[in-house]
Amino acid sequence: MAIGERIRTFRKRKGLTQKELGVQLGFKASTADIRTIQYEAEKRVSKDDLIKTLSSILEVSPAAINVPDIDTHVGIMQLLFTHEDIYGISVKQDGSHVTRRPTLLLPALRPLTAVISTIWRWATCLLVNIKSTIRRTTS
């Protein structure tokens, strides 16, 4: 999900209109909705200070707004959170057992089960590698 889509998703989740978000960001009321539309459509590039303000207003981490860098653990977690938001996937850990639970599986989403399964297998391998790394460094 691109940065504009993320802004739109979090704005809607918060129940704000484009104009309301723009005003809270400090834009003039007469142009607030247009400016917000431009950021959501990615006609304007969100700078770091705007992302920090957005994250504060929308009550999310700045990392949740930025497009994740999948080469980092934080980026991987943000990617998984995004899939949870979009597809209703949740991961639960009971002790040492991790389970996945699609909480929403509409007919239109059924083709995504292969993608979900792949991500699940990948995430499970990642967790196993992280656990073994932690064990090696603490031994």
Protein backbone atom coordinates (compact mmCIF):
# COMPACT_ATOMS: atom_id res chain seq x y z
CA MET A 1 0.00 0.00 0.00
CA ALA A 2 1.44 3.35 -1.04
CA ILE A 3 1.82 6.26 1.34
CA GLY A 4 -1.24 8.11 -0.01
CA GLU A 5 -3.42 5.05 0.49
CA ARG A 6 -2.10 4.69 4.03
CA ILE A 7 -2.96 8.31 4.83
CA ARG A 8 -6.47 7.79 3.43
CA THR A 9 -6.96 4.51 5.34
CA PHE A 10 -5.88 5.97 8.68
CA ARG A 11 -7.89 9.17 8.10
CA LYS A 12 -11.05 7.19 7.43
CA ARG A 13 -10.40 4.91 10.40
CA LYS A 14 -10.15 8.02 12.56
CA GLY A 15 -13.44 9.30 11.09
CA LEU A 16 -11.99 12.52 9.67
CA THR A 17 -12.92 14.20 6.42
CA GLN A 18 -10.16 15.41 4.13
CA LYS A 19 -10.94 18.99 5.13
CA GLU A 20 -10.84 18.19 8.87
CA LEU A 21 -7.47 16.46 8.55
CA GLY A 22 -6.10 19.34 6.46
CA VAL A 23 -7.20 21.91 9.05
CA GLN A 24 -5.62 19.86 11.86
CA LEU A 25 -2.42 19.77 9.80
CA GLY A 26 -2.45 23.56 9.76
CA PHE A 27 -3.62 24.22 6.20
CA LYS A 28 -6.02 27.11 5.53
CA ALA A 29 -9.66 26.01 5.75
CA SER A 30 -10.27 27.17 2.18
CA THR A 31 -7.64 24.78 0.77
CA ALA A 32 -7.40 22.11 3.49
CA ASP A 33 -9.39 19.46 1.60
CA ILE A 34 -7.50 20.06 -1.65
CA ARG A 35 -4.12 19.75 0.08
CA THR A 36 -5.20 16.51 1.78
CA ILE A 37 -6.45 15.14 -1.55
CA GLN A 38 -3.07 15.94 -3.09
CA TYR A 39 -1.21 13.98 -0.40
CA GLU A 40 -3.62 11.05 -0.65
CA ALA A 41 -3.29 11.04 -4.46
CA GLU A 42 0.50 11.38 -4.07
CA LYS A 43 0.57 14.59 -6.10
CA ARG A 44 2.55 16.04 -3.19
CA VAL A 45 5.37 14.28 -1.35
CA SER A 46 4.92 13.93 2.39
CA LYS A 47 8.02 15.23 4.19
CA ASP A 48 9.19 13.83 7.52
CA ASP A 49 7.75 16.69 9.59
CA LEU A 50 4.33 16.27 7.93
CA ILE A 51 4.45 12.51 8.53
CA LYS A 52 5.21 13.10 12.22
CA THR A 53 2.27 15.49 12.50
CA LEU A 54 0.02 13.09 10.58
CA SER A 55 1.02 10.19 12.82
CA SER A 56 0.19 12.27 15.89
CA ILE A 57 -3.24 13.31 14.56
CA LEU A 58 -4.08 9.83 13.27
CA GLU A 59 -2.64 8.15 16.40
CA VAL A 60 -0.35 5.78 14.52
CA SER A 61 3.40 5.33 14.32
CA PRO A 62 5.22 7.30 11.61
CA ALA A 63 6.45 3.89 10.39
CA ALA A 64 2.82 2.90 9.74
CA ILE A 65 2.41 5.84 7.34
CA ASN A 66 5.72 5.45 5.50
CA VAL A 67 6.06 2.66 2.96
CA PRO A 68 7.87 -0.09 4.88
CA ASP A 69 11.45 -1.05 4.18
CA ILE A 70 11.12 -4.84 4.16
CA ASP A 71 14.83 -5.19 4.89
CA THR A 72 14.20 -4.27 8.53
CA HIS A 73 12.24 -5.97 11.31
CA VAL A 74 10.12 -2.84 11.77
CA GLY A 75 9.29 -2.80 8.05
CA ILE A 76 8.29 -6.46 8.14
CA MET A 77 6.00 -5.82 11.11
CA GLN A 78 4.41 -2.85 9.33
CA LEU A 79 3.86 -5.03 6.26
CA LEU A 80 2.13 -7.65 8.40
CA PHE A 81 0.03 -4.97 10.13
CA THR A 82 -1.01 -3.66 6.71
CA HIS A 83 -2.11 -7.14 5.65
CA GLU A 84 -4.04 -7.41 8.89
CA ASP A 85 -5.79 -4.12 8.14
CA ILE A 86 -6.57 -4.92 4.51
CA TYR A 87 -7.33 -8.64 4.60
CA GLY A 88 -8.36 -9.21 8.20
CA ILE A 89 -5.44 -11.51 8.94
CA SER A 90 -4.43 -11.85 12.55
CA VAL A 91 -1.59 -13.78 14.14
CA LYS A 92 -1.87 -15.06 17.68
CA GLN A 93 0.81 -16.58 19.86
CA ASP A 94 -0.18 -18.99 22.64
CA GLY A 95 2.97 -19.84 24.52
CA SER A 96 5.39 -21.16 21.92
CA HIS A 97 2.70 -21.88 19.31
CA VAL A 98 1.84 -19.25 16.68
CA THR A 99 -1.45 -19.50 14.81
CA ARG A 100 -2.96 -17.46 12.00
CA ARG A 101 -6.58 -16.58 11.84
CA PRO A 102 -8.19 -14.95 8.83
CA THR A 103 -10.91 -12.99 10.59
CA LEU A 104 -12.47 -11.91 7.32
CA LEU A 105 -12.57 -14.12 4.27
CA LEU A 106 -15.04 -12.80 1.73
CA PRO A 107 -15.44 -14.65 -1.58
CA ALA A 108 -13.49 -11.90 -3.34
CA LEU A 109 -10.55 -12.53 -1.01
CA ARG A 110 -10.34 -16.31 -1.51
CA PRO A 111 -7.66 -15.99 -4.24
CA LEU A 112 -5.53 -14.26 -1.62
CA THR A 113 -5.32 -17.37 0.54
CA ALA A 114 -2.26 -18.54 -1.40
CA VAL A 115 -0.59 -15.18 -0.74
CA ILE A 116 -1.61 -15.34 2.91
CA SER A 117 -0.24 -18.87 3.24
CA THR A 118 3.05 -17.81 1.67
CA ILE A 119 3.34 -14.81 3.98
CA TRP A 120 2.47 -17.03 6.93
CA ARG A 121 5.16 -19.58 6.09
CA TRP A 122 7.65 -16.78 5.55
CA ALA A 123 6.73 -15.05 8.84
CA THR A 124 6.99 -18.35 10.72
CA CYS A 125 10.49 -18.92 9.32
CA LEU A 126 11.43 -15.37 10.25
CA LEU A 127 10.23 -15.89 13.84
CA VAL A 128 12.19 -19.14 14.10
CA ASN A 129 15.34 -17.38 12.85
CA ILE A 130 14.83 -14.49 15.28
CA LYS A 131 14.35 -16.91 18.19
CA SER A 132 17.51 -18.86 17.29
CA THR A 133 19.47 -15.61 16.98
CA ILE A 134 18.25 -14.48 20.40
CA ARG A 135 19.17 -17.86 21.92
CA ARG A 136 22.69 -17.66 20.42
CA THR A 137 23.27 -14.12 21.66
CA THR A 138 21.98 -14.84 25.17
CA SER A 139 23.89 -18.13 25.57
